[in-house]
Amino acid sequence: METEKTLIRWLNDKGIPAYGTKPKDTKKDFVTVERTGGAVSDGIDSASFAIGCWSSTNSKASSLASQVGMLLPDFQDEEYATFCSVESVYRFPPGDGTGSRYQLTVSASIYI
């Protein structure tokens, strides 16, 4: 689905380095966008996302999550989008012990 790519592109356009998978060079703060569910109906893709906010410390990862969370409601103002809501934010330490991560669960809908 293009919804994931659309959200990644939008975040990058807003100055947030966003990727579909964790990049190899993780020295800078970044986010990952992963579709976790959703459905398509009547030309609208209503998707659920996990947006991981990665940084070197918990404090920086939390700040990045707050920044992203404040930006996301503006996604629904785009002509191709109909809805965007942050459902939750939580600390989600990476399993490999590299850096820190907070994660947002997000619902968004776009026209397809």
N, C-alpha and C. Protein backbone atom coordinates (compact mmCIF):
# COMPACT_ATOMS: atom_id res chain seq x y z
N MET A 1 0.83 -1.19 0.00
CA MET A 1 0.00 0.00 0.00
C MET A 1 0.88 1.25 0.00
N GLU A 2 0.40 2.26 -0.65
CA GLU A 2 1.14 3.52 -0.75
C GLU A 2 0.97 4.41 0.49
N THR A 3 0.04 4.07 1.37
CA THR A 3 -0.21 4.91 2.54
C THR A 3 1.04 5.05 3.40
N GLU A 4 1.75 3.96 3.57
CA GLU A 4 2.99 3.99 4.35
C GLU A 4 4.01 4.93 3.72
N LYS A 5 4.21 4.80 2.41
CA LYS A 5 5.15 5.67 1.70
C LYS A 5 4.71 7.13 1.76
N THR A 6 3.41 7.35 1.67
CA THR A 6 2.88 8.72 1.73
C THR A 6 3.18 9.36 3.07
N LEU A 7 2.98 8.63 4.15
CA LEU A 7 3.26 9.17 5.49
C LEU A 7 4.76 9.39 5.68
N ILE A 8 5.59 8.49 5.20
CA ILE A 8 7.05 8.66 5.30
C ILE A 8 7.48 9.92 4.54
N ARG A 9 6.98 10.09 3.33
CA ARG A 9 7.32 11.26 2.52
C ARG A 9 6.86 12.55 3.21
N TRP A 10 5.66 12.53 3.78
CA TRP A 10 5.13 13.71 4.46
C TRP A 10 6.01 14.08 5.66
N LEU A 11 6.39 13.10 6.47
CA LEU A 11 7.26 13.38 7.62
C LEU A 11 8.59 13.95 7.17
N ASN A 12 9.18 13.38 6.12
CA ASN A 12 10.44 13.93 5.60
C ASN A 12 10.27 15.37 5.13
N ASP A 13 9.16 15.66 4.47
CA ASP A 13 8.88 17.03 4.02
C ASP A 13 8.75 18.00 5.18
N LYS A 14 8.37 17.50 6.35
CA LYS A 14 8.24 18.32 7.56
C LYS A 14 9.56 18.41 8.34
N GLY A 15 10.62 17.82 7.81
CA GLY A 15 11.93 17.89 8.46
C GLY A 15 12.23 16.77 9.43
N ILE A 16 11.39 15.73 9.44
CA ILE A 16 11.61 14.58 10.32
C ILE A 16 12.19 13.45 9.47
N PRO A 17 13.44 13.04 9.71
CA PRO A 17 14.00 11.93 8.93
C PRO A 17 13.20 10.65 9.20
N ALA A 18 12.51 10.16 8.17
CA ALA A 18 11.61 9.01 8.33
C ALA A 18 11.96 7.92 7.32
N TYR A 19 11.84 6.67 7.76
CA TYR A 19 12.20 5.51 6.95
C TYR A 19 11.18 4.39 7.15
N GLY A 20 11.16 3.47 6.20
CA GLY A 20 10.33 2.28 6.33
C GLY A 20 10.98 1.21 7.19
N THR A 21 12.30 1.21 7.23
CA THR A 21 13.06 0.30 8.09
C THR A 21 14.19 1.08 8.75
N LYS A 22 14.71 0.55 9.83
CA LYS A 22 15.79 1.21 10.56
C LYS A 22 17.03 1.30 9.67
N PRO A 23 17.55 2.53 9.46
CA PRO A 23 18.75 2.67 8.62
C PRO A 23 19.99 2.12 9.32
N LYS A 24 21.01 1.81 8.53
CA LYS A 24 22.26 1.29 9.11
C LYS A 24 22.98 2.35 9.93
N ASP A 25 22.99 3.59 9.43
CA ASP A 25 23.64 4.69 10.15
C ASP A 25 22.62 5.30 11.09
N THR A 26 22.74 4.99 12.37
CA THR A 26 21.75 5.46 13.34
C THR A 26 22.35 6.47 14.32
N LYS A 27 23.28 7.27 13.85
CA LYS A 27 23.91 8.25 14.72
C LYS A 27 23.02 9.47 14.95
N LYS A 28 22.04 9.71 14.08
CA LYS A 28 21.15 10.84 14.21
C LYS A 28 19.75 10.36 14.58
N ASP A 29 18.95 11.27 15.13
CA ASP A 29 17.56 10.95 15.44
C ASP A 29 16.79 10.67 14.16
N PHE A 30 15.84 9.74 14.22
CA PHE A 30 15.04 9.40 13.05
C PHE A 30 13.78 8.68 13.51
N VAL A 31 12.85 8.51 12.59
CA VAL A 31 11.65 7.72 12.88
C VAL A 31 11.50 6.63 11.84
N THR A 32 10.86 5.54 12.27
CA THR A 32 10.47 4.48 11.35
C THR A 32 8.95 4.41 11.33
N VAL A 33 8.41 4.12 10.16
CA VAL A 33 6.97 4.03 9.98
C VAL A 33 6.64 2.62 9.52
N GLU A 34 5.81 1.93 10.29
CA GLU A 34 5.44 0.55 9.97
C GLU A 34 3.92 0.42 10.02
N ARG A 35 3.37 -0.02 8.92
CA ARG A 35 1.92 -0.28 8.89
C ARG A 35 1.65 -1.53 9.72
N THR A 36 0.69 -1.44 10.62
CA THR A 36 0.38 -2.58 11.48
C THR A 36 -1.02 -3.14 11.25
N GLY A 37 -1.79 -2.50 10.38
CA GLY A 37 -3.13 -2.99 10.10
C GLY A 37 -3.94 -1.98 9.32
N GLY A 38 -5.22 -2.29 9.18
CA GLY A 38 -6.12 -1.38 8.48
C GLY A 38 -6.84 -2.07 7.34
N ALA A 39 -7.67 -1.30 6.66
CA ALA A 39 -8.47 -1.84 5.57
C ALA A 39 -8.74 -0.76 4.53
N VAL A 40 -9.05 -1.21 3.32
CA VAL A 40 -9.41 -0.32 2.22
C VAL A 40 -10.89 -0.50 1.94
N SER A 41 -11.60 0.64 1.82
CA SER A 41 -13.02 0.59 1.52
C SER A 41 -13.43 1.89 0.83
N ASP A 42 -14.18 1.75 -0.25
CA ASP A 42 -14.73 2.91 -0.96
C ASP A 42 -13.66 3.95 -1.31
N GLY A 43 -12.50 3.49 -1.75
CA GLY A 43 -11.44 4.39 -2.19
C GLY A 43 -10.65 5.07 -1.09
N ILE A 44 -10.82 4.63 0.14
CA ILE A 44 -10.07 5.19 1.27
C ILE A 44 -9.32 4.06 1.97
N ASP A 45 -8.02 4.29 2.17
CA ASP A 45 -7.19 3.36 2.92
C ASP A 45 -7.11 3.86 4.35
N SER A 46 -7.74 3.15 5.26
CA SER A 46 -7.71 3.49 6.69
C SER A 46 -6.71 2.55 7.36
N ALA A 47 -5.56 3.10 7.73
CA ALA A 47 -4.45 2.28 8.20
C ALA A 47 -4.07 2.59 9.64
N SER A 48 -3.48 1.59 10.28
CA SER A 48 -2.88 1.75 11.60
C SER A 48 -1.36 1.67 11.42
N PHE A 49 -0.65 2.52 12.16
CA PHE A 49 0.80 2.58 12.06
C PHE A 49 1.45 2.54 13.43
N ALA A 50 2.66 1.98 13.46
CA ALA A 50 3.57 2.12 14.59
C ALA A 50 4.68 3.05 14.09
N ILE A 51 4.84 4.17 14.77
CA ILE A 51 5.89 5.11 14.40
C ILE A 51 6.92 5.12 15.52
N GLY A 52 8.08 4.53 15.24
CA GLY A 52 9.16 4.46 16.21
C GLY A 52 10.00 5.72 16.13
N CYS A 53 10.25 6.34 17.28
CA CYS A 53 11.06 7.56 17.37
C CYS A 53 12.36 7.20 18.07
N TRP A 54 13.43 7.18 17.31
CA TRP A 54 14.72 6.67 17.76
C TRP A 54 15.70 7.80 18.07
N SER A 55 16.47 7.64 19.15
CA SER A 55 17.50 8.59 19.51
C SER A 55 18.52 7.92 20.42
N SER A 56 19.48 8.70 20.89
CA SER A 56 20.55 8.14 21.71
C SER A 56 20.16 8.01 23.18
N THR A 57 19.17 8.79 23.64
CA THR A 57 18.74 8.73 25.03
C THR A 57 17.21 8.69 25.10
N ASN A 58 16.70 8.24 26.25
CA ASN A 58 15.25 8.23 26.44
C ASN A 58 14.66 9.63 26.34
N SER A 59 15.36 10.60 26.90
CA SER A 59 14.87 11.98 26.88
C SER A 59 14.74 12.50 25.44
N LYS A 60 15.74 12.25 24.63
CA LYS A 60 15.71 12.71 23.23
C LYS A 60 14.66 11.95 22.43
N ALA A 61 14.54 10.66 22.67
CA ALA A 61 13.52 9.87 21.95
C ALA A 61 12.12 10.33 22.34
N SER A 62 11.92 10.64 23.61
CA SER A 62 10.63 11.14 24.08
C SER A 62 10.32 12.50 23.45
N SER A 63 11.33 13.36 23.37
CA SER A 63 11.13 14.68 22.74
C SER A 63 10.79 14.55 21.26
N LEU A 64 11.46 13.63 20.58
CA LEU A 64 11.16 13.39 19.17
C LEU A 64 9.73 12.87 19.01
N ALA A 65 9.32 11.97 19.89
CA ALA A 65 7.95 11.45 19.85
C ALA A 65 6.94 12.57 20.06
N SER A 66 7.22 13.48 20.97
CA SER A 66 6.33 14.62 21.20
C SER A 66 6.25 15.51 19.96
N GLN A 67 7.40 15.75 19.35
CA GLN A 67 7.44 16.58 18.14
C GLN A 67 6.61 15.94 17.02
N VAL A 68 6.82 14.66 16.80
CA VAL A 68 6.08 13.95 15.75
C VAL A 68 4.59 13.93 16.09
N GLY A 69 4.27 13.66 17.35
CA GLY A 69 2.88 13.61 17.77
C GLY A 69 2.14 14.93 17.58
N MET A 70 2.85 16.03 17.75
CA MET A 70 2.23 17.34 17.54
C MET A 70 2.04 17.65 16.05
N LEU A 71 2.92 17.11 15.21
CA LEU A 71 2.81 17.34 13.77
C LEU A 71 1.72 16.50 13.11
N LEU A 72 1.55 15.28 13.55
CA LEU A 72 0.70 14.32 12.84
C LEU A 72 -0.75 14.76 12.60
N PRO A 73 -1.42 15.46 13.52
CA PRO A 73 -2.78 15.88 13.19
C PRO A 73 -2.86 16.76 11.94
N ASP A 74 -1.78 17.45 11.59
CA ASP A 74 -1.76 18.27 10.38
C ASP A 74 -1.77 17.43 9.10
N PHE A 75 -1.43 16.15 9.21
CA PHE A 75 -1.45 15.26 8.04
C PHE A 75 -2.84 15.23 7.40
N GLN A 76 -3.88 15.27 8.24
CA GLN A 76 -5.24 15.18 7.70
C GLN A 76 -5.64 16.43 6.92
N ASP A 77 -4.85 17.51 6.98
CA ASP A 77 -5.14 18.73 6.22
C ASP A 77 -4.67 18.63 4.77
N GLU A 78 -3.88 17.59 4.47
CA GLU A 78 -3.43 17.41 3.09
C GLU A 78 -4.61 16.97 2.22
N GLU A 79 -4.59 17.35 0.95
CA GLU A 79 -5.72 17.07 0.06
C GLU A 79 -5.97 15.58 -0.14
N TYR A 80 -4.94 14.76 0.05
CA TYR A 80 -5.07 13.32 -0.16
C TYR A 80 -5.45 12.58 1.12
N ALA A 81 -5.50 13.27 2.25
CA ALA A 81 -5.77 12.61 3.54
C ALA A 81 -7.15 13.00 4.07
N THR A 82 -7.74 12.10 4.84
CA THR A 82 -9.05 12.37 5.43
C THR A 82 -9.04 12.36 6.95
N PHE A 83 -8.00 11.75 7.55
CA PHE A 83 -8.00 11.57 9.00
C PHE A 83 -6.60 11.22 9.47
N CYS A 84 -6.23 11.70 10.66
CA CYS A 84 -4.99 11.26 11.32
C CYS A 84 -5.11 11.53 12.81
N SER A 85 -4.83 10.51 13.61
CA SER A 85 -4.94 10.63 15.05
C SER A 85 -3.86 9.80 15.74
N VAL A 86 -3.22 10.37 16.75
CA VAL A 86 -2.28 9.63 17.58
C VAL A 86 -3.09 8.96 18.68
N GLU A 87 -3.02 7.64 18.73
CA GLU A 87 -3.80 6.86 19.69
C GLU A 87 -3.06 6.66 21.01
N SER A 88 -1.73 6.48 20.95
CA SER A 88 -0.96 6.31 22.17
C SER A 88 0.52 6.57 21.90
N VAL A 89 1.24 6.80 23.00
CA VAL A 89 2.70 6.99 22.96
C VAL A 89 3.26 6.19 24.13
N TYR A 90 4.31 5.43 23.87
CA TYR A 90 4.90 4.65 24.95
C TYR A 90 6.38 4.40 24.69
N ARG A 91 7.11 4.14 25.77
CA ARG A 91 8.52 3.78 25.66
C ARG A 91 8.62 2.35 25.16
N PHE A 92 9.47 2.14 24.16
CA PHE A 92 9.60 0.82 23.53
C PHE A 92 11.08 0.57 23.25
N PRO A 93 11.85 0.15 24.27
CA PRO A 93 13.29 -0.02 24.10
C PRO A 93 13.61 -1.00 22.97
N PRO A 94 14.60 -0.67 22.15
CA PRO A 94 14.99 -1.58 21.06
C PRO A 94 15.56 -2.87 21.63
N GLY A 95 15.24 -3.98 20.99
CA GLY A 95 15.70 -5.29 21.44
C GLY A 95 17.20 -5.49 21.33
N ASP A 96 17.84 -4.73 20.45
CA ASP A 96 19.28 -4.92 20.26
C ASP A 96 20.12 -4.03 21.16
N GLY A 97 19.46 -3.23 22.02
CA GLY A 97 20.18 -2.40 22.97
C GLY A 97 20.84 -1.17 22.38
N THR A 98 20.52 -0.83 21.14
CA THR A 98 21.13 0.33 20.50
C THR A 98 20.22 1.54 20.64
N GLY A 99 20.63 2.50 21.46
CA GLY A 99 19.88 3.74 21.61
C GLY A 99 18.59 3.56 22.37
N SER A 100 17.68 4.51 22.15
CA SER A 100 16.39 4.53 22.83
C SER A 100 15.29 4.75 21.81
N ARG A 101 14.08 4.29 22.16
CA ARG A 101 12.96 4.44 21.24
C ARG A 101 11.67 4.66 22.03
N TYR A 102 10.89 5.62 21.55
CA TYR A 102 9.50 5.77 21.97
C TYR A 102 8.66 5.46 20.74
N GLN A 103 7.47 4.95 20.94
CA GLN A 103 6.64 4.57 19.81
C GLN A 103 5.26 5.19 19.93
N LEU A 104 4.74 5.65 18.79
CA LEU A 104 3.38 6.17 18.70
C LEU A 104 2.55 5.17 17.91
N THR A 105 1.32 4.96 18.34
CA THR A 105 0.37 4.23 17.50
C THR A 105 -0.53 5.29 16.89
N VAL A 106 -0.72 5.16 15.58
CA VAL A 106 -1.37 6.21 14.80
C VAL A 106 -2.40 5.59 13.87
N SER A 107 -3.53 6.25 13.71
CA SER A 107 -4.53 5.88 12.71
C SER A 107 -4.56 7.00 11.68
N ALA A 108 -4.54 6.63 10.41
CA ALA A 108 -4.58 7.62 9.32
C ALA A 108 -5.32 7.06 8.13
N SER A 109 -5.99 7.94 7.41
CA SER A 109 -6.73 7.53 6.21
C SER A 109 -6.39 8.45 5.05
N ILE A 110 -6.19 7.83 3.88
CA ILE A 110 -5.93 8.61 2.67
C ILE A 110 -6.79 8.08 1.53
N TYR A 111 -7.03 8.97 0.56
CA TYR A 111 -7.70 8.54 -0.66
C TYR A 111 -6.72 7.74 -1.50
N ILE A 112 -7.21 6.67 -2.13
CA ILE A 112 -6.33 5.90 -3.01
C ILE A 112 -6.87 5.92 -4.43
